[in-house]
Amino acid sequence: MEVQQPTRYPLHGRVQVALPSQAVLSGHALDISVGGLCVFLHDQIPLGEVYTIRFEMVIKGKTHVITALAKSAYGVFANGDEFHVGFSFKEDDPQRTALIKSLAGKKPMAEATSKEL
């Protein structure tokens, strides 16, 4: 039985990941769904940990900065010196969900072969 996965939308913006050591890693977003966010980072991070992430979403020309708790669900070495990291949101946020759903006019990402956020 196949489980219905949330639609993923392309997202281009800056991302910050706060580490337990108080260091902050910078990266950029690849895509987003109501369940999570996929980003590129220059540093590898431990998987299965919960992080505070901050990212930008541009909706109708306005930049929204979102802060959320998210668990690192997967990570793979990507192009060059970057890591492709998938985060799953740990709490529901009606404002964030509404912003993500407003992306419905954008073309969804192609079906992913990896585990959906």
Protein backbone atom coordinates (compact mmCIF):
# COMPACT_ATOMS: atom_id res chain seq x y z
CA MET A 1 0.00 0.00 0.00
CA GLU A 2 1.39 3.38 -1.02
CA VAL A 3 1.13 6.25 1.45
CA GLN A 4 0.11 9.66 0.08
CA GLN A 5 3.02 12.07 0.52
CA PRO A 6 2.77 15.85 0.87
CA THR A 7 3.47 17.87 -2.28
CA ARG A 8 6.93 19.40 -2.40
CA TYR A 9 7.46 22.85 -3.89
CA PRO A 10 10.70 24.44 -5.04
CA LEU A 11 12.04 26.97 -2.57
CA HIS A 12 15.03 29.22 -3.03
CA GLY A 13 16.24 31.17 -0.04
CA ARG A 14 18.77 31.32 2.74
CA VAL A 15 18.70 28.79 5.56
CA GLN A 16 20.37 28.79 8.97
CA VAL A 17 20.70 25.73 11.18
CA ALA A 18 21.52 26.30 14.87
CA LEU A 19 23.69 23.55 16.34
CA PRO A 20 23.66 22.52 20.02
CA SER A 21 27.14 24.09 20.32
CA GLN A 22 25.54 27.48 19.50
CA ALA A 23 27.30 27.52 16.10
CA VAL A 24 25.08 28.41 13.15
CA LEU A 25 25.46 26.79 9.74
CA SER A 26 24.33 28.62 6.62
CA GLY A 27 22.90 27.03 3.53
CA HIS A 28 20.15 27.35 0.98
CA ALA A 29 16.78 25.74 0.47
CA LEU A 30 15.93 23.29 -2.29
CA ASP A 31 12.27 22.46 -1.62
CA ILE A 32 9.56 22.48 1.03
CA SER A 33 6.36 20.64 1.96
CA VAL A 34 3.99 21.02 4.89
CA GLY A 35 5.99 18.23 6.52
CA GLY A 36 9.52 19.48 6.07
CA LEU A 37 12.30 21.25 4.24
CA CYS A 38 15.21 20.08 2.11
CA VAL A 39 18.40 22.15 2.18
CA PHE A 40 21.99 22.22 0.99
CA LEU A 41 24.64 22.76 3.69
CA HIS A 42 28.43 22.95 3.39
CA ASP A 43 28.83 20.91 6.58
CA GLN A 44 27.51 17.49 7.48
CA ILE A 45 25.33 17.32 10.58
CA PRO A 46 24.28 14.37 12.75
CA LEU A 47 21.05 12.73 11.65
CA GLY A 48 18.10 12.12 13.96
CA GLU A 49 18.79 15.28 15.97
CA VAL A 50 16.41 18.21 16.46
CA TYR A 51 17.64 21.63 15.36
CA THR A 52 16.28 25.14 15.26
CA ILE A 53 16.18 26.15 11.63
CA ARG A 54 15.46 29.54 10.13
CA PHE A 55 14.65 30.01 6.48
CA GLU A 56 13.23 32.46 3.98
CA MET A 57 10.13 32.04 1.86
CA VAL A 58 9.29 34.62 -0.80
CA ILE A 59 5.55 34.75 -1.41
CA LYS A 60 4.16 37.29 -3.90
CA GLY A 61 7.33 39.38 -3.65
CA LYS A 62 7.37 39.49 0.16
CA THR A 63 10.08 37.71 2.13
CA HIS A 64 8.85 35.75 5.15
CA VAL A 65 11.38 34.51 7.70
CA ILE A 66 10.30 31.28 9.38
CA THR A 67 11.84 29.71 12.49
CA ALA A 68 11.01 26.10 13.30
CA LEU A 69 12.18 23.05 15.22
CA ALA A 70 13.03 20.29 12.79
CA LYS A 71 14.59 16.84 12.93
CA SER A 72 17.31 15.92 10.44
CA ALA A 73 15.75 12.95 8.66
CA TYR A 74 18.36 12.18 6.01
CA GLY A 75 21.59 13.51 4.58
CA VAL A 76 23.59 12.68 1.48
CA PHE A 77 26.74 14.06 -0.09
CA ALA A 78 25.67 16.22 -3.03
CA ASN A 79 27.28 18.29 -5.74
CA GLY A 80 30.82 19.37 -4.99
CA ASP A 81 31.19 20.27 -1.35
CA GLU A 82 27.57 20.31 -0.21
CA PHE A 83 25.32 18.00 1.78
CA HIS A 84 21.68 17.55 0.87
CA VAL A 85 19.81 17.40 4.22
CA GLY A 86 16.12 16.69 4.73
CA PHE A 87 14.41 18.06 7.82
CA SER A 88 10.98 17.12 9.14
CA PHE A 89 9.12 19.79 11.09
CA LYS A 90 8.54 18.83 14.74
CA GLU A 91 5.51 21.01 15.43
CA ASP A 92 2.54 22.29 13.50
CA ASP A 93 2.52 25.98 12.71
CA PRO A 94 -0.65 27.27 11.03
CA GLN A 95 1.12 30.36 9.64
CA ARG A 96 3.95 28.29 8.11
CA THR A 97 1.45 25.78 6.71
CA ALA A 98 -0.61 28.58 5.12
CA LEU A 99 2.49 30.06 3.51
CA ILE A 100 3.53 26.68 2.13
CA LYS A 101 0.04 26.04 0.79
CA SER A 102 0.13 29.44 -0.92
CA LEU A 103 2.90 27.98 -3.09
CA ALA A 104 0.26 25.75 -4.70
CA GLY A 105 0.40 27.94 -7.80
CA LYS A 106 4.02 26.90 -8.34
CA LYS A 107 4.90 23.75 -10.21
CA PRO A 108 5.45 20.91 -7.70
CA MET A 109 8.80 19.14 -7.58
CA ALA A 110 9.08 15.94 -9.61
CA GLU A 111 8.19 12.79 -7.71
CA ALA A 112 11.09 11.96 -5.44
CA THR A 113 12.58 8.52 -5.24
CA SER A 114 13.89 9.11 -1.74
CA LYS A 115 11.81 9.24 1.42
CA GLU A 116 9.46 12.23 1.40
CA LEU A 117 9.54 14.68 4.28
